[in-house]
Amino acid sequence: MVVGTVDKLENSTMEGWITKQGAVVTNWKRRWFVLKSDFLYYFKTQQDSDPTGVVPVRGCTVTEDTQCKRSNSFMVALPDNSRTYHFQAPNNAVRLQYDIVH
């Protein structure tokens, strides 16, 4: 998996604040996301140069998270079903933008 720095992520397709549910500790944390090529990088702050994590989005399934009680929530499932990421967008317009990521 490729992990870059902010400098290498110039000319990103999309970036902004999204709330993400943790995989192990399932609390929700606000993260700065940057979509570049086939990767969705996330950072603790917008100023961080090293990503906290990265989601490979090629071939992913993006759907509304109907089981989540949070508004504007959506899921990103990896193509091999090894992991499903849970996100909450700040509004429906942003959530709909992520529907086209895959």
N, C-alpha and C. Protein backbone atom coordinates (compact mmCIF):
# COMPACT_ATOMS: atom_id res chain seq x y z
N MET A 1 0.84 -1.17 0.00
CA MET A 1 0.00 0.00 0.00
C MET A 1 0.89 1.24 0.00
N VAL A 2 0.51 2.21 -0.77
CA VAL A 2 1.29 3.44 -0.91
C VAL A 2 0.80 4.47 0.09
N VAL A 3 1.71 5.01 0.86
CA VAL A 3 1.37 6.09 1.78
C VAL A 3 2.29 7.24 1.46
N GLY A 4 1.71 8.40 1.16
CA GLY A 4 2.50 9.57 0.79
C GLY A 4 2.45 10.63 1.85
N THR A 5 3.01 11.75 1.52
CA THR A 5 2.93 12.90 2.40
C THR A 5 2.10 13.96 1.71
N VAL A 6 1.76 15.03 2.42
CA VAL A 6 0.93 16.09 1.87
C VAL A 6 1.57 16.65 0.59
N ASP A 7 2.89 16.81 0.58
CA ASP A 7 3.57 17.34 -0.61
C ASP A 7 3.29 16.47 -1.83
N LYS A 8 3.27 15.18 -1.65
CA LYS A 8 3.03 14.26 -2.75
C LYS A 8 1.55 14.18 -3.11
N LEU A 9 0.69 14.78 -2.31
CA LEU A 9 -0.74 14.70 -2.54
C LEU A 9 -1.30 15.97 -3.18
N GLU A 10 -0.44 16.78 -3.75
CA GLU A 10 -0.91 17.97 -4.45
C GLU A 10 -1.81 17.55 -5.61
N ASN A 11 -2.68 18.44 -6.04
CA ASN A 11 -3.61 18.17 -7.14
C ASN A 11 -4.53 17.00 -6.84
N SER A 12 -5.02 16.96 -5.62
CA SER A 12 -5.92 15.88 -5.23
C SER A 12 -7.28 16.06 -5.92
N THR A 13 -8.02 14.98 -6.01
CA THR A 13 -9.34 15.01 -6.61
C THR A 13 -10.35 15.67 -5.69
N MET A 14 -10.22 15.39 -4.38
CA MET A 14 -11.17 15.89 -3.40
C MET A 14 -10.49 15.87 -2.04
N GLU A 15 -10.85 16.82 -1.18
CA GLU A 15 -10.34 16.82 0.18
C GLU A 15 -11.33 17.53 1.09
N GLY A 16 -11.30 17.15 2.38
CA GLY A 16 -12.17 17.78 3.34
C GLY A 16 -12.31 16.95 4.60
N TRP A 17 -13.08 17.49 5.55
CA TRP A 17 -13.28 16.84 6.84
C TRP A 17 -14.41 15.82 6.74
N ILE A 18 -14.13 14.62 7.26
CA ILE A 18 -15.10 13.52 7.34
C ILE A 18 -14.89 12.88 8.72
N THR A 19 -15.95 12.38 9.30
CA THR A 19 -15.84 11.65 10.57
C THR A 19 -15.76 10.16 10.24
N LYS A 20 -14.80 9.48 10.85
CA LYS A 20 -14.55 8.06 10.58
C LYS A 20 -14.67 7.25 11.86
N GLN A 21 -15.28 6.08 11.73
CA GLN A 21 -15.37 5.18 12.88
C GLN A 21 -14.12 4.30 12.91
N GLY A 22 -13.54 4.17 14.09
CA GLY A 22 -12.35 3.34 14.25
C GLY A 22 -12.66 1.87 14.09
N ALA A 23 -11.65 1.10 13.68
CA ALA A 23 -11.83 -0.33 13.46
C ALA A 23 -11.75 -1.12 14.77
N VAL A 24 -10.82 -0.75 15.64
CA VAL A 24 -10.63 -1.48 16.90
C VAL A 24 -11.42 -0.80 18.02
N VAL A 25 -11.08 0.46 18.28
CA VAL A 25 -11.86 1.27 19.21
C VAL A 25 -12.90 1.96 18.33
N THR A 26 -14.16 1.56 18.46
CA THR A 26 -15.17 1.97 17.48
C THR A 26 -15.79 3.34 17.76
N ASN A 27 -14.99 4.24 18.33
CA ASN A 27 -15.48 5.60 18.49
C ASN A 27 -15.31 6.34 17.16
N TRP A 28 -15.94 7.51 17.07
CA TRP A 28 -15.91 8.30 15.83
C TRP A 28 -14.93 9.46 16.00
N LYS A 29 -14.08 9.66 14.99
CA LYS A 29 -13.10 10.74 15.04
C LYS A 29 -13.14 11.51 13.73
N ARG A 30 -13.06 12.83 13.86
CA ARG A 30 -13.02 13.71 12.70
C ARG A 30 -11.61 13.68 12.11
N ARG A 31 -11.52 13.44 10.81
CA ARG A 31 -10.23 13.35 10.12
C ARG A 31 -10.26 14.18 8.84
N TRP A 32 -9.09 14.64 8.43
CA TRP A 32 -8.93 15.35 7.16
C TRP A 32 -8.63 14.30 6.09
N PHE A 33 -9.48 14.24 5.05
CA PHE A 33 -9.34 13.24 3.99
C PHE A 33 -8.88 13.88 2.70
N VAL A 34 -8.02 13.16 1.98
CA VAL A 34 -7.53 13.60 0.69
C VAL A 34 -7.64 12.42 -0.28
N LEU A 35 -8.42 12.60 -1.35
CA LEU A 35 -8.55 11.58 -2.38
C LEU A 35 -7.56 11.89 -3.49
N LYS A 36 -6.66 10.96 -3.74
CA LYS A 36 -5.65 11.11 -4.78
C LYS A 36 -5.49 9.77 -5.49
N SER A 37 -5.70 9.76 -6.79
CA SER A 37 -5.64 8.54 -7.59
C SER A 37 -6.61 7.52 -7.00
N ASP A 38 -6.12 6.36 -6.65
CA ASP A 38 -6.97 5.28 -6.14
C ASP A 38 -6.87 5.13 -4.63
N PHE A 39 -6.45 6.20 -3.94
CA PHE A 39 -6.27 6.12 -2.50
C PHE A 39 -6.96 7.29 -1.80
N LEU A 40 -7.58 6.98 -0.68
CA LEU A 40 -8.20 7.98 0.18
C LEU A 40 -7.35 8.04 1.45
N TYR A 41 -6.54 9.08 1.55
CA TYR A 41 -5.64 9.26 2.69
C TYR A 41 -6.37 10.02 3.78
N TYR A 42 -6.10 9.70 5.05
CA TYR A 42 -6.68 10.49 6.13
C TYR A 42 -5.62 10.86 7.16
N PHE A 43 -5.84 12.06 7.73
CA PHE A 43 -4.89 12.70 8.63
C PHE A 43 -5.62 13.17 9.88
N LYS A 44 -4.91 13.27 10.99
CA LYS A 44 -5.52 13.80 12.21
C LYS A 44 -5.85 15.28 12.06
N THR A 45 -4.97 16.03 11.39
CA THR A 45 -5.22 17.45 11.15
C THR A 45 -4.91 17.77 9.70
N GLN A 46 -5.41 18.89 9.24
CA GLN A 46 -5.15 19.33 7.88
C GLN A 46 -3.67 19.66 7.66
N GLN A 47 -2.96 20.01 8.73
CA GLN A 47 -1.57 20.39 8.62
C GLN A 47 -0.60 19.20 8.68
N ASP A 48 -1.07 18.02 9.06
CA ASP A 48 -0.19 16.86 9.16
C ASP A 48 0.43 16.54 7.81
N SER A 49 1.69 16.10 7.83
CA SER A 49 2.35 15.73 6.58
C SER A 49 2.34 14.23 6.33
N ASP A 50 2.17 13.44 7.38
CA ASP A 50 2.11 11.99 7.23
C ASP A 50 0.70 11.51 7.55
N PRO A 51 0.11 10.71 6.65
CA PRO A 51 -1.25 10.24 6.89
C PRO A 51 -1.34 9.27 8.06
N THR A 52 -2.46 9.32 8.75
CA THR A 52 -2.76 8.36 9.82
C THR A 52 -3.11 7.01 9.21
N GLY A 53 -3.73 7.05 8.04
CA GLY A 53 -4.11 5.82 7.35
C GLY A 53 -4.47 6.09 5.91
N VAL A 54 -4.74 5.01 5.20
CA VAL A 54 -5.09 5.12 3.78
C VAL A 54 -6.07 4.01 3.42
N VAL A 55 -7.05 4.36 2.61
CA VAL A 55 -8.04 3.41 2.13
C VAL A 55 -7.85 3.25 0.62
N PRO A 56 -7.54 2.04 0.15
CA PRO A 56 -7.44 1.84 -1.30
C PRO A 56 -8.86 1.75 -1.87
N VAL A 57 -9.24 2.69 -2.72
CA VAL A 57 -10.65 2.78 -3.13
C VAL A 57 -10.96 2.11 -4.47
N ARG A 58 -9.97 1.70 -5.22
CA ARG A 58 -10.26 1.06 -6.51
C ARG A 58 -11.06 -0.22 -6.29
N GLY A 59 -12.19 -0.30 -6.95
CA GLY A 59 -13.04 -1.49 -6.86
C GLY A 59 -13.90 -1.56 -5.61
N CYS A 60 -13.84 -0.55 -4.75
CA CYS A 60 -14.63 -0.54 -3.53
C CYS A 60 -16.11 -0.33 -3.83
N THR A 61 -16.93 -0.77 -2.92
CA THR A 61 -18.36 -0.52 -2.98
C THR A 61 -18.68 0.57 -1.98
N VAL A 62 -19.30 1.65 -2.45
CA VAL A 62 -19.68 2.77 -1.59
C VAL A 62 -21.20 2.80 -1.51
N THR A 63 -21.72 2.70 -0.28
CA THR A 63 -23.17 2.69 -0.09
C THR A 63 -23.56 3.54 1.12
N GLU A 64 -24.81 3.94 1.15
CA GLU A 64 -25.34 4.63 2.32
C GLU A 64 -25.35 3.65 3.47
N ASP A 65 -24.98 4.09 4.66
CA ASP A 65 -24.96 3.23 5.84
C ASP A 65 -26.32 3.34 6.52
N THR A 66 -27.25 2.52 6.10
CA THR A 66 -28.63 2.61 6.60
C THR A 66 -28.77 2.11 8.03
N GLN A 67 -27.80 1.34 8.54
CA GLN A 67 -27.88 0.84 9.91
C GLN A 67 -27.30 1.82 10.92
N CYS A 68 -26.57 2.80 10.43
CA CYS A 68 -25.97 3.80 11.32
C CYS A 68 -27.01 4.88 11.64
N LYS A 69 -27.07 5.28 12.88
CA LYS A 69 -28.03 6.30 13.30
C LYS A 69 -27.53 7.72 13.03
N ARG A 70 -26.30 7.87 12.58
CA ARG A 70 -25.75 9.19 12.26
C ARG A 70 -26.23 9.62 10.88
N SER A 71 -26.57 10.88 10.76
CA SER A 71 -27.01 11.39 9.46
C SER A 71 -25.83 11.45 8.49
N ASN A 72 -26.11 11.33 7.21
CA ASN A 72 -25.12 11.44 6.14
C ASN A 72 -23.99 10.41 6.25
N SER A 73 -24.32 9.24 6.78
CA SER A 73 -23.29 8.21 6.93
C SER A 73 -23.24 7.31 5.69
N PHE A 74 -22.04 6.79 5.44
CA PHE A 74 -21.86 5.88 4.31
C PHE A 74 -20.76 4.88 4.63
N MET A 75 -20.73 3.80 3.86
CA MET A 75 -19.76 2.73 4.06
C MET A 75 -18.92 2.55 2.80
N VAL A 76 -17.67 2.18 2.99
CA VAL A 76 -16.79 1.85 1.88
C VAL A 76 -16.27 0.44 2.16
N ALA A 77 -16.69 -0.52 1.33
CA ALA A 77 -16.27 -1.92 1.50
C ALA A 77 -15.18 -2.24 0.49
N LEU A 78 -14.08 -2.81 0.99
CA LEU A 78 -12.99 -3.21 0.10
C LEU A 78 -13.47 -4.34 -0.81
N PRO A 79 -12.91 -4.44 -2.02
CA PRO A 79 -13.40 -5.44 -2.97
C PRO A 79 -13.27 -6.88 -2.49
N ASP A 80 -12.30 -7.17 -1.63
CA ASP A 80 -12.15 -8.55 -1.13
C ASP A 80 -12.94 -8.78 0.16
N ASN A 81 -13.74 -7.77 0.56
CA ASN A 81 -14.57 -7.84 1.77
C ASN A 81 -13.75 -8.01 3.05
N SER A 82 -12.46 -7.66 3.01
CA SER A 82 -11.62 -7.79 4.20
C SER A 82 -11.90 -6.71 5.24
N ARG A 83 -12.48 -5.58 4.78
CA ARG A 83 -12.79 -4.50 5.72
C ARG A 83 -13.85 -3.59 5.13
N THR A 84 -14.68 -3.08 6.02
CA THR A 84 -15.66 -2.06 5.66
C THR A 84 -15.40 -0.85 6.53
N TYR A 85 -15.21 0.29 5.90
CA TYR A 85 -14.99 1.55 6.61
C TYR A 85 -16.32 2.27 6.77
N HIS A 86 -16.52 2.91 7.92
CA HIS A 86 -17.75 3.66 8.19
C HIS A 86 -17.41 5.13 8.36
N PHE A 87 -18.14 5.97 7.61
CA PHE A 87 -17.88 7.41 7.60
C PHE A 87 -19.16 8.19 7.80
N GLN A 88 -19.00 9.42 8.25
CA GLN A 88 -20.10 10.37 8.33
C GLN A 88 -19.64 11.67 7.68
N ALA A 89 -20.35 12.07 6.65
CA ALA A 89 -20.05 13.32 5.96
C ALA A 89 -20.71 14.48 6.71
N PRO A 90 -20.18 15.71 6.56
CA PRO A 90 -20.78 16.85 7.25
C PRO A 90 -22.16 17.22 6.73
N ASN A 91 -22.47 16.81 5.49
CA ASN A 91 -23.80 17.06 4.92
C ASN A 91 -24.05 16.08 3.79
N ASN A 92 -25.28 16.06 3.29
CA ASN A 92 -25.65 15.10 2.26
C ASN A 92 -24.92 15.35 0.94
N ALA A 93 -24.66 16.60 0.60
CA ALA A 93 -23.96 16.91 -0.64
C ALA A 93 -22.57 16.29 -0.65
N VAL A 94 -21.86 16.38 0.46
CA VAL A 94 -20.53 15.78 0.56
C VAL A 94 -20.65 14.25 0.51
N ARG A 95 -21.63 13.71 1.20
CA ARG A 95 -21.83 12.25 1.18
C ARG A 95 -22.04 11.76 -0.24
N LEU A 96 -22.82 12.46 -1.02
CA LEU A 96 -23.08 12.05 -2.39
C LEU A 96 -21.83 12.11 -3.26
N GLN A 97 -20.91 13.01 -2.96
CA GLN A 97 -19.65 13.07 -3.71
C GLN A 97 -18.86 11.78 -3.53
N TYR A 98 -18.92 11.18 -2.35
CA TYR A 98 -18.18 9.95 -2.11
C TYR A 98 -18.82 8.75 -2.77
N ASP A 99 -20.07 8.85 -3.19
CA ASP A 99 -20.72 7.76 -3.92
C ASP A 99 -20.02 7.46 -5.23
N ILE A 100 -19.32 8.45 -5.79
CA ILE A 100 -18.67 8.26 -7.09
C ILE A 100 -17.19 7.94 -6.96
N VAL A 101 -16.68 7.78 -5.76
CA VAL A 101 -15.24 7.58 -5.54
C VAL A 101 -14.75 6.28 -6.18
N HIS A 102 -15.45 5.23 -6.04
CA HIS A 102 -14.99 3.91 -6.48
C HIS A 102 -14.91 3.83 -7.99
